[in-house]
């Protein structure tokens, strides 16, 4: 159905958060739950329709595994992953 993965970095295509980078924290039907660690924390992720996000090919495996296993994950881990992605770009 959806080819999005937990821990994948996506960009918002619409809304007041347009152009912002987020990490997929949950997938539910046609909706993604997104967090960026600053405005949108893990405790209160943004619910967004799949058609309103631009996916990237970058998936943070460590964060994806932690989300899948429901193990300890901090907002700072999310921020660090997004920061690393922006510094490296889409080369990874």
PDB file of N, CA and C in Angstrom:
ATOM      1  N   UNK A   1       0.843  -1.196   0.000  1.00  0.00           N
ATOM      2  CA  UNK A   1       0.000   0.000   0.000  1.00  0.00           C
ATOM      3  C   UNK A   1       0.876   1.243   0.000  1.00  0.00           C
ATOM      4  N   UNK A   2       1.524   1.465   1.129  1.00  0.00           N
ATOM      5  CA  UNK A   2       2.382   2.647   1.249  1.00  0.00           C
ATOM      6  C   UNK A   2       3.835   2.201   1.173  1.00  0.00           C
ATOM      7  N   UNK A   3       4.642   2.918   0.432  1.00  0.00           N
ATOM      8  CA  UNK A   3       6.048   2.541   0.350  1.00  0.00           C
ATOM      9  C   UNK A   3       6.903   3.414   1.261  1.00  0.00           C
ATOM     10  N   UNK A   4       6.298   3.960   2.301  1.00  0.00           N
ATOM     11  CA  UNK A   4       7.028   4.723   3.305  1.00  0.00           C
ATOM     12  C   UNK A   4       7.497   3.767   4.392  1.00  0.00           C
ATOM     13  N   UNK A   5       8.605   4.130   5.037  1.00  0.00           N
ATOM     14  CA  UNK A   5       9.184   3.301   6.090  1.00  0.00           C
ATOM     15  C   UNK A   5       9.361   4.137   7.360  1.00  0.00           C
ATOM     16  N   UNK A   6       9.342   3.474   8.505  1.00  0.00           N
ATOM     17  CA  UNK A   6       9.612   4.161   9.760  1.00  0.00           C
ATOM     18  C   UNK A   6      11.057   4.661   9.740  1.00  0.00           C
ATOM     19  N   UNK A   7      11.267   5.880  10.191  1.00  0.00           N
ATOM     20  CA  UNK A   7      12.605   6.446  10.203  1.00  0.00           C
ATOM     21  C   UNK A   7      12.973   7.167   8.915  1.00  0.00           C
ATOM     22  N   UNK A   8      12.074   7.200   7.949  1.00  0.00           N
ATOM     23  CA  UNK A   8      12.337   7.858   6.662  1.00  0.00           C
ATOM     24  C   UNK A   8      12.153   9.371   6.797  1.00  0.00           C
ATOM     25  N   UNK A   9      13.029  10.115   6.163  1.00  0.00           N
ATOM     26  CA  UNK A   9      12.916  11.570   6.171  1.00  0.00           C
ATOM     27  C   UNK A   9      12.029  11.994   5.008  1.00  0.00           C
ATOM     28  N   UNK A  10      11.058  12.868   5.318  1.00  0.00           N
ATOM     29  CA  UNK A  10      10.145  13.396   4.308  1.00  0.00           C
ATOM     30  C   UNK A  10      10.065  14.909   4.467  1.00  0.00           C
ATOM     31  N   UNK A  11       9.608  15.578   3.412  1.00  0.00           N
ATOM     32  CA  UNK A  11       9.401  17.021   3.454  1.00  0.00           C
ATOM     33  C   UNK A  11       7.922  17.309   3.255  1.00  0.00           C
ATOM     34  N   UNK A  12       7.416  18.279   3.999  1.00  0.00           N
ATOM     35  CA  UNK A  12       6.030  18.692   3.877  1.00  0.00           C
ATOM     36  C   UNK A  12       5.861  19.486   2.583  1.00  0.00           C
ATOM     37  N   UNK A  13       4.812  19.155   1.800  1.00  0.00           N
ATOM     38  CA  UNK A  13       4.543  19.855   0.549  1.00  0.00           C
ATOM     39  C   UNK A  13       3.449  20.904   0.702  1.00  0.00           C
ATOM     40  N   UNK A  14       2.718  20.870   1.812  1.00  0.00           N
ATOM     41  CA  UNK A  14       1.627  21.820   1.989  1.00  0.00           C
ATOM     42  C   UNK A  14       1.409  22.126   3.467  1.00  0.00           C
ATOM     43  N   UNK A  15       0.665  23.193   3.709  1.00  0.00           N
ATOM     44  CA  UNK A  15       0.389  23.594   5.082  1.00  0.00           C
ATOM     45  C   UNK A  15       1.381  24.629   5.557  1.00  0.00           C
ATOM     46  N   UNK A  16       1.219  25.042   6.798  1.00  0.00           N
ATOM     47  CA  UNK A  16       2.111  26.078   7.319  1.00  0.00           C
ATOM     48  C   UNK A  16       3.521  25.565   7.581  1.00  0.00           C
ATOM     49  N   UNK A  17       3.685  24.243   7.573  1.00  0.00           N
ATOM     50  CA  UNK A  17       5.009  23.646   7.764  1.00  0.00           C
ATOM     51  C   UNK A  17       5.653  23.259   6.423  1.00  0.00           C
ATOM     52  N   UNK A  18       5.183  23.867   5.330  1.00  0.00           N
ATOM     53  CA  UNK A  18       5.681  23.555   3.983  1.00  0.00           C
ATOM     54  C   UNK A  18       7.198  23.709   3.905  1.00  0.00           C
ATOM     55  N   UNK A  19       7.863  22.696   3.359  1.00  0.00           N
ATOM     56  CA  UNK A  19       9.306  22.731   3.200  1.00  0.00           C
ATOM     57  C   UNK A  19      10.087  22.196   4.386  1.00  0.00           C
ATOM     58  N   UNK A  20       9.396  21.906   5.485  1.00  0.00           N
ATOM     59  CA  UNK A  20      10.062  21.397   6.688  1.00  0.00           C
ATOM     60  C   UNK A  20      10.368  19.903   6.536  1.00  0.00           C
ATOM     61  N   UNK A  21      11.480  19.479   7.133  1.00  0.00           N
ATOM     62  CA  UNK A  21      11.853  18.065   7.131  1.00  0.00           C
ATOM     63  C   UNK A  21      11.291  17.388   8.378  1.00  0.00           C
ATOM     64  N   UNK A  22      10.796  16.178   8.205  1.00  0.00           N
ATOM     65  CA  UNK A  22      10.253  15.382   9.292  1.00  0.00           C
ATOM     66  C   UNK A  22      10.721  13.947   9.161  1.00  0.00           C
ATOM     67  N   UNK A  23      10.578  13.195  10.251  1.00  0.00           N
ATOM     68  CA  UNK A  23      10.847  11.759  10.223  1.00  0.00           C
ATOM     69  C   UNK A  23       9.530  11.039  10.442  1.00  0.00           C
ATOM     70  N   UNK A  24       9.292   9.997   9.657  1.00  0.00           N
ATOM     71  CA  UNK A  24       8.073   9.201   9.789  1.00  0.00           C
ATOM     72  C   UNK A  24       8.178   8.366  11.068  1.00  0.00           C
ATOM     73  N   UNK A  25       7.217   8.567  11.990  1.00  0.00           N
ATOM     74  CA  UNK A  25       7.228   7.825  13.250  1.00  0.00           C
ATOM     75  C   UNK A  25       6.155   6.749  13.303  1.00  0.00           C
ATOM     76  N   UNK A  26       5.151   6.883  12.429  1.00  0.00           N
ATOM     77  CA  UNK A  26       4.068   5.901  12.411  1.00  0.00           C
ATOM     78  C   UNK A  26       3.373   5.989  11.055  1.00  0.00           C
ATOM     79  N   UNK A  27       2.869   4.849  10.586  1.00  0.00           N
ATOM     80  CA  UNK A  27       2.140   4.803   9.319  1.00  0.00           C
ATOM     81  C   UNK A  27       0.777   4.179   9.599  1.00  0.00           C
ATOM     82  N   UNK A  28      -0.269   4.887   9.188  1.00  0.00           N
ATOM     83  CA  UNK A  28      -1.621   4.400   9.455  1.00  0.00           C
ATOM     84  C   UNK A  28      -2.510   4.688   8.238  1.00  0.00           C
ATOM     85  N   UNK A  29      -2.694   3.693   7.390  1.00  0.00           N
ATOM     86  CA  UNK A  29      -3.520   3.866   6.203  1.00  0.00           C
ATOM     87  C   UNK A  29      -2.959   4.929   5.283  1.00  0.00           C
ATOM     88  N   UNK A  30      -3.760   5.977   4.993  1.00  0.00           N
ATOM     89  CA  UNK A  30      -3.294   7.043   4.112  1.00  0.00           C
ATOM     90  C   UNK A  30      -2.632   8.182   4.879  1.00  0.00           C
ATOM     91  N   UNK A  31      -2.392   7.973   6.178  1.00  0.00           N
ATOM     92  CA  UNK A  31      -1.782   9.008   7.005  1.00  0.00           C
ATOM     93  C   UNK A  31      -0.402   8.600   7.504  1.00  0.00           C
ATOM     94  N   UNK A  32       0.458   9.609   7.632  1.00  0.00           N
ATOM     95  CA  UNK A  32       1.765   9.437   8.262  1.00  0.00           C
ATOM     96  C   UNK A  32       1.784  10.289   9.520  1.00  0.00           C
ATOM     97  N   UNK A  33       2.479   9.824  10.517  1.00  0.00           N
ATOM     98  CA  UNK A  33       2.694  10.624  11.721  1.00  0.00           C
ATOM     99  C   UNK A  33       4.153  11.057  11.695  1.00  0.00           C
ATOM    100  N   UNK A  34       4.358  12.370  11.754  1.00  0.00           N
ATOM    101  CA  UNK A  34       5.682  12.946  11.532  1.00  0.00           C
ATOM    102  C   UNK A  34       6.153  13.723  12.744  1.00  0.00           C
ATOM    103  N   UNK A  35       7.456  13.636  13.020  1.00  0.00           N
ATOM    104  CA  UNK A  35       8.059  14.401  14.105  1.00  0.00           C
ATOM    105  C   UNK A  35       9.363  14.999  13.600  1.00  0.00           C
ATOM    106  N   UNK A  36       9.705  16.195  14.118  1.00  0.00           N
ATOM    107  CA  UNK A  36      11.000  16.785  13.785  1.00  0.00           C
ATOM    108  C   UNK A  36      11.831  17.079  15.030  1.00  0.00           C
ATOM    109  N   UNK A  37      11.307  16.763  16.193  1.00  0.00           N
ATOM    110  CA  UNK A  37      12.072  16.902  17.424  1.00  0.00           C
ATOM    111  C   UNK A  37      12.061  18.287  18.027  1.00  0.00           C
ATOM    112  N   UNK A  38      11.565  19.285  17.308  1.00  0.00           N
ATOM    113  CA  UNK A  38      11.515  20.633  17.879  1.00  0.00           C
ATOM    114  C   UNK A  38      10.065  21.099  17.994  1.00  0.00           C
ATOM    115  N   UNK A  39       9.452  21.502  16.880  1.00  0.00           N
ATOM    116  CA  UNK A  39       8.046  21.920  16.942  1.00  0.00           C
ATOM    117  C   UNK A  39       7.116  20.725  17.093  1.00  0.00           C
ATOM    118  N   UNK A  40       7.443  19.648  16.431  1.00  0.00           N
ATOM    119  CA  UNK A  40       6.639  18.428  16.516  1.00  0.00           C
ATOM    120  C   UNK A  40       7.446  17.351  17.224  1.00  0.00           C
ATOM    121  N   UNK A  41       7.104  17.121  18.478  1.00  0.00           N
ATOM    122  CA  UNK A  41       7.833  16.155  19.304  1.00  0.00           C
ATOM    123  C   UNK A  41       7.281  14.747  19.078  1.00  0.00           C
ATOM    124  N   UNK A  42       8.011  13.761  19.593  1.00  0.00           N
ATOM    125  CA  UNK A  42       7.597  12.372  19.472  1.00  0.00           C
ATOM    126  C   UNK A  42       6.277  12.104  20.183  1.00  0.00           C
ATOM    127  N   UNK A  43       6.020  12.834  21.291  1.00  0.00           N
ATOM    128  CA  UNK A  43       4.795  12.622  22.055  1.00  0.00           C
ATOM    129  C   UNK A  43       3.569  13.124  21.305  1.00  0.00           C
ATOM    130  N   UNK A  44       3.747  14.114  20.426  1.00  0.00           N
ATOM    131  CA  UNK A  44       2.621  14.690  19.693  1.00  0.00           C
ATOM    132  C   UNK A  44       3.017  14.903  18.235  1.00  0.00           C
ATOM    133  N   UNK A  45       3.114  13.796  17.476  1.00  0.00           N
ATOM    134  CA  UNK A  45       3.521  13.932  16.071  1.00  0.00           C
ATOM    135  C   UNK A  45       2.434  14.562  15.214  1.00  0.00           C
ATOM    136  N   UNK A  46       2.836  15.091  14.079  1.00  0.00           N
ATOM    137  CA  UNK A  46       1.924  15.705  13.110  1.00  0.00           C
ATOM    138  C   UNK A  46       1.300  14.597  12.261  1.00  0.00           C
ATOM    139  N   UNK A  47      -0.034  14.599  12.154  1.00  0.00           N
ATOM    140  CA  UNK A  47      -0.735  13.650  11.294  1.00  0.00           C
ATOM    141  C   UNK A  47      -0.916  14.312   9.940  1.00  0.00           C
ATOM    142  N   UNK A  48      -0.388  13.688   8.903  1.00  0.00           N
ATOM    143  CA  UNK A  48      -0.422  14.287   7.574  1.00  0.00           C
ATOM    144  C   UNK A  48      -0.741  13.222   6.539  1.00  0.00           C
ATOM    145  N   UNK A  49      -1.542  13.605   5.539  1.00  0.00           N
ATOM    146  CA  UNK A  49      -1.850  12.672   4.459  1.00  0.00           C
ATOM    147  C   UNK A  49      -0.594  12.414   3.620  1.00  0.00           C
ATOM    148  N   UNK A  50      -0.498  11.195   3.125  1.00  0.00           N
ATOM    149  CA  UNK A  50       0.662  10.790   2.319  1.00  0.00           C
ATOM    150  C   UNK A  50       0.843  11.707   1.113  1.00  0.00           C
ATOM    151  N   UNK A  51      -0.259  12.148   0.494  1.00  0.00           N
ATOM    152  CA  UNK A  51      -0.145  12.983  -0.698  1.00  0.00           C
ATOM    153  C   UNK A  51       0.410  14.372  -0.397  1.00  0.00           C
ATOM    154  N   UNK A  52       0.491  14.743   0.876  1.00  0.00           N
ATOM    155  CA  UNK A  52       0.996  16.066   1.255  1.00  0.00           C
ATOM    156  C   UNK A  52       2.458  16.056   1.687  1.00  0.00           C
ATOM    157  N   UNK A  53       3.146  14.944   1.459  1.00  0.00           N
ATOM    158  CA  UNK A  53       4.573  14.893   1.793  1.00  0.00           C
ATOM    159  C   UNK A  53       5.382  14.440   0.587  1.00  0.00           C
ATOM    160  N   UNK A  54       6.621  14.921   0.528  1.00  0.00           N
ATOM    161  CA  UNK A  54       7.588  14.523  -0.507  1.00  0.00           C
ATOM    162  C   UNK A  54       8.589  13.602   0.161  1.00  0.00           C
ATOM    163  N   UNK A  55       8.646  12.361  -0.285  1.00  0.00           N
ATOM    164  CA  UNK A  55       9.562  11.432   0.373  1.00  0.00           C
ATOM    165  C   UNK A  55      10.976  11.570  -0.164  1.00  0.00           C
ATOM    166  N   UNK A  56      11.923  11.182   0.662  1.00  0.00           N
ATOM    167  CA  UNK A  56      13.323  11.117   0.253  1.00  0.00           C
ATOM    168  C   UNK A  56      13.736   9.650   0.268  1.00  0.00           C
ATOM    169  N   UNK A  57      14.899   9.364  -0.228  1.00  0.00           N
ATOM    170  CA  UNK A  57      15.408   7.991  -0.204  1.00  0.00           C
ATOM    171  C   UNK A  57      16.199   7.707   1.064  1.00  0.00           C
ATOM    172  N   UNK A  58      16.260   8.689   1.971  1.00  0.00           N
ATOM    173  CA  UNK A  58      17.050   8.522   3.195  1.00  0.00           C
ATOM    174  C   UNK A  58      16.195   7.940   4.309  1.00  0.00           C
ATOM    175  N   UNK A  59      16.628   6.816   4.850  1.00  0.00           N
ATOM    176  CA  UNK A  59      15.962   6.198   5.997  1.00  0.00           C
ATOM    177  C   UNK A  59      17.009   6.034   7.089  1.00  0.00           C
ATOM    178  N   UNK A  60      16.725   6.596   8.269  1.00  0.00           N
ATOM    179  CA  UNK A  60      17.621   6.421   9.413  1.00  0.00           C
ATOM    180  C   UNK A  60      17.287   5.070  10.040  1.00  0.00           C
ATOM    181  N   UNK A  61      18.117   4.090   9.771  1.00  0.00           N
ATOM    182  CA  UNK A  61      17.871   2.709  10.202  1.00  0.00           C
ATOM    183  C   UNK A  61      17.765   2.620  11.725  1.00  0.00           C
ATOM    184  N   UNK A  62      18.662   3.296  12.448  1.00  0.00           N
ATOM    185  CA  UNK A  62      18.650   3.236  13.914  1.00  0.00           C
ATOM    186  C   UNK A  62      17.324   3.724  14.475  1.00  0.00           C
ATOM    187  N   UNK A  63      16.846   4.846  13.974  1.00  0.00           N
ATOM    188  CA  UNK A  63      15.577   5.395  14.445  1.00  0.00           C
ATOM    189  C   UNK A  63      14.429   4.476  14.039  1.00  0.00           C
ATOM    190  N   UNK A  64      14.465   3.953  12.837  1.00  0.00           N
ATOM    191  CA  UNK A  64      13.436   3.024  12.377  1.00  0.00           C
ATOM    192  C   UNK A  64      13.329   1.803  13.270  1.00  0.00           C
ATOM    193  N   UNK A  65      14.467   1.239  13.651  1.00  0.00           N
ATOM    194  CA  UNK A  65      14.485   0.056  14.529  1.00  0.00           C
ATOM    195  C   UNK A  65      13.939   0.412  15.905  1.00  0.00           C
ATOM    196  N   UNK A  66      14.361   1.559  16.442  1.00  0.00           N
ATOM    197  CA  UNK A  66      13.873   1.973  17.758  1.00  0.00           C
ATOM    198  C   UNK A  66      12.367   2.203  17.746  1.00  0.00           C
ATOM    199  N   UNK A  67      11.842   2.791  16.668  1.00  0.00           N
ATOM    200  CA  UNK A  67      10.396   3.005  16.554  1.00  0.00           C
ATOM    201  C   UNK A  67       9.661   1.675  16.455  1.00  0.00           C
ATOM    202  N   UNK A  68      10.207   0.746  15.701  1.00  0.00           N
ATOM    203  CA  UNK A  68       9.588  -0.560  15.516  1.00  0.00           C
ATOM    204  C   UNK A  68       9.551  -1.347  16.825  1.00  0.00           C
ATOM    205  N   UNK A  69      10.659  -1.293  17.570  1.00  0.00           N
ATOM    206  CA  UNK A  69      10.751  -2.034  18.832  1.00  0.00           C
ATOM    207  C   UNK A  69      10.183  -1.247  20.005  1.00  0.00           C
ATOM    208  N   UNK A  70       9.727  -0.031  19.741  1.00  0.00           N
ATOM    209  CA  UNK A  70       9.197   0.860  20.781  1.00  0.00           C
ATOM    210  C   UNK A  70      10.192   1.043  21.918  1.00  0.00           C
ATOM    211  N   UNK A  71      11.479   1.143  21.556  1.00  0.00           N
ATOM    212  CA  UNK A  71      12.518   1.344  22.557  1.00  0.00           C
ATOM    213  C   UNK A  71      12.776   2.836  22.749  1.00  0.00           C
ATOM    214  N   UNK A  72      13.658   3.154  23.652  1.00  0.00           N
ATOM    215  CA  UNK A  72      13.917   4.523  24.079  1.00  0.00           C
ATOM    216  C   UNK A  72      14.437   5.384  22.942  1.00  0.00           C
ATOM    217  N   UNK A  73      13.731   6.463  22.663  1.00  0.00           N
ATOM    218  CA  UNK A  73      14.107   7.382  21.590  1.00  0.00           C
ATOM    219  C   UNK A  73      13.837   8.805  22.059  1.00  0.00           C
ATOM    220  N   UNK A  74      14.771   9.690  21.808  1.00  0.00           N
ATOM    221  CA  UNK A  74      14.640  11.080  22.235  1.00  0.00           C
ATOM    222  C   UNK A  74      14.374  11.997  21.052  1.00  0.00           C
ATOM    223  N   UNK A  75      13.776  13.164  21.357  1.00  0.00           N
ATOM    224  CA  UNK A  75      13.580  14.178  20.326  1.00  0.00           C
ATOM    225  C   UNK A  75      14.929  14.639  19.778  1.00  0.00           C
ATOM    226  N   UNK A  76      15.949  14.621  20.624  1.00  0.00           N
ATOM    227  CA  UNK A  76      17.278  15.042  20.165  1.00  0.00           C
ATOM    228  C   UNK A  76      17.830  14.067  19.116  1.00  0.00           C
ATOM    229  N   UNK A  77      17.469  12.789  19.207  1.00  0.00           N
ATOM    230  CA  UNK A  77      17.885  11.818  18.180  1.00  0.00           C
ATOM    231  C   UNK A  77      17.261  12.168  16.832  1.00  0.00           C
ATOM    232  N   UNK A  78      15.988  12.582  16.873  1.00  0.00           N
ATOM    233  CA  UNK A  78      15.274  12.983  15.651  1.00  0.00           C
ATOM    234  C   UNK A  78      15.938  14.226  15.049  1.00  0.00           C
ATOM    235  N   UNK A  79      16.189  15.227  15.903  1.00  0.00           N
ATOM    236  CA  UNK A  79      16.815  16.474  15.426  1.00  0.00           C
ATOM    237  C   UNK A  79      18.188  16.196  14.822  1.00  0.00           C
ATOM    238  N   UNK A  80      18.962  15.345  15.472  1.00  0.00           N
ATOM    239  CA  UNK A  80      20.308  15.015  15.005  1.00  0.00           C
ATOM    240  C   UNK A  80      20.268  14.321  13.645  1.00  0.00           C
ATOM    241  N   UNK A  81      19.325  13.422  13.470  1.00  0.00           N
ATOM    242  CA  UNK A  81      19.195  12.707  12.204  1.00  0.00           C
ATOM    243  C   UNK A  81      18.829  13.661  11.071  1.00  0.00           C
ATOM    244  N   UNK A  82      17.883  14.564  11.317  1.00  0.00           N
ATOM    245  CA  UNK A  82      17.485  15.539  10.292  1.00  0.00           C
ATOM    246  C   UNK A  82      18.641  16.476   9.971  1.00  0.00           C
ATOM    247  N   UNK A  83      19.369  16.892  11.001  1.00  0.00           N
ATOM    248  CA  UNK A  83      20.517  17.787  10.802  1.00  0.00           C
ATOM    249  C   UNK A  83      21.581  17.097   9.948  1.00  0.00           C
ATOM    250  N   UNK A  84      21.876  15.829  10.258  1.00  0.00           N
ATOM    251  CA  UNK A  84      22.857  15.071   9.470  1.00  0.00           C
ATOM    252  C   UNK A  84      22.418  14.938   8.022  1.00  0.00           C
ATOM    253  N   UNK A  85      21.117  14.693   7.814  1.00  0.00           N
ATOM    254  CA  UNK A  85      20.598  14.570   6.449  1.00  0.00           C
ATOM    255  C   UNK A  85      20.776  15.879   5.683  1.00  0.00           C
ATOM    256  N   UNK A  86      20.470  17.000   6.332  1.00  0.00           N
ATOM    257  CA  UNK A  86      20.581  18.303   5.649  1.00  0.00           C
ATOM    258  C   UNK A  86      22.039  18.639   5.330  1.00  0.00           C
ATOM    259  N   UNK A  87      22.976  18.224   6.209  1.00  0.00           N
ATOM    260  CA  UNK A  87      24.384  18.509   5.957  1.00  0.00           C
ATOM    261  C   UNK A  87      24.923  17.661   4.813  1.00  0.00           C
ATOM    262  N   UNK A  88      24.551  16.385   4.811  1.00  0.00           N
ATOM    263  CA  UNK A  88      25.049  15.472   3.790  1.00  0.00           C
ATOM    264  C   UNK A  88      24.276  15.626   2.496  1.00  0.00           C
ATOM    265  N   UNK A  89      22.998  15.975   2.624  1.00  0.00           N
ATOM    266  CA  UNK A  89      22.147  16.089   1.444  1.00  0.00           C
ATOM    267  C   UNK A  89      21.626  14.748   1.029  1.00  0.00           C
ATOM    268  N   UNK A  90      21.262  14.615  -0.207  1.00  0.00           N
ATOM    269  CA  UNK A  90      20.690  13.344  -0.669  1.00  0.00           C
ATOM    270  C   UNK A  90      21.758  12.425  -1.263  1.00  0.00           C
ATOM    271  N   UNK A  91      23.011  12.629  -0.866  1.00  0.00           N
ATOM    272  CA  UNK A  91      24.123  11.802  -1.376  1.00  0.00           C
ATOM    273  C   UNK A  91      24.029  10.399  -0.792  1.00  0.00           C
ATOM    274  N   UNK A  92      23.565  10.302   0.458  1.00  0.00           N
ATOM    275  CA  UNK A  92      23.542   9.014   1.180  1.00  0.00           C
ATOM    276  C   UNK A  92      22.664   8.021   0.482  1.00  0.00           C
TER     277      UNK A  92
END
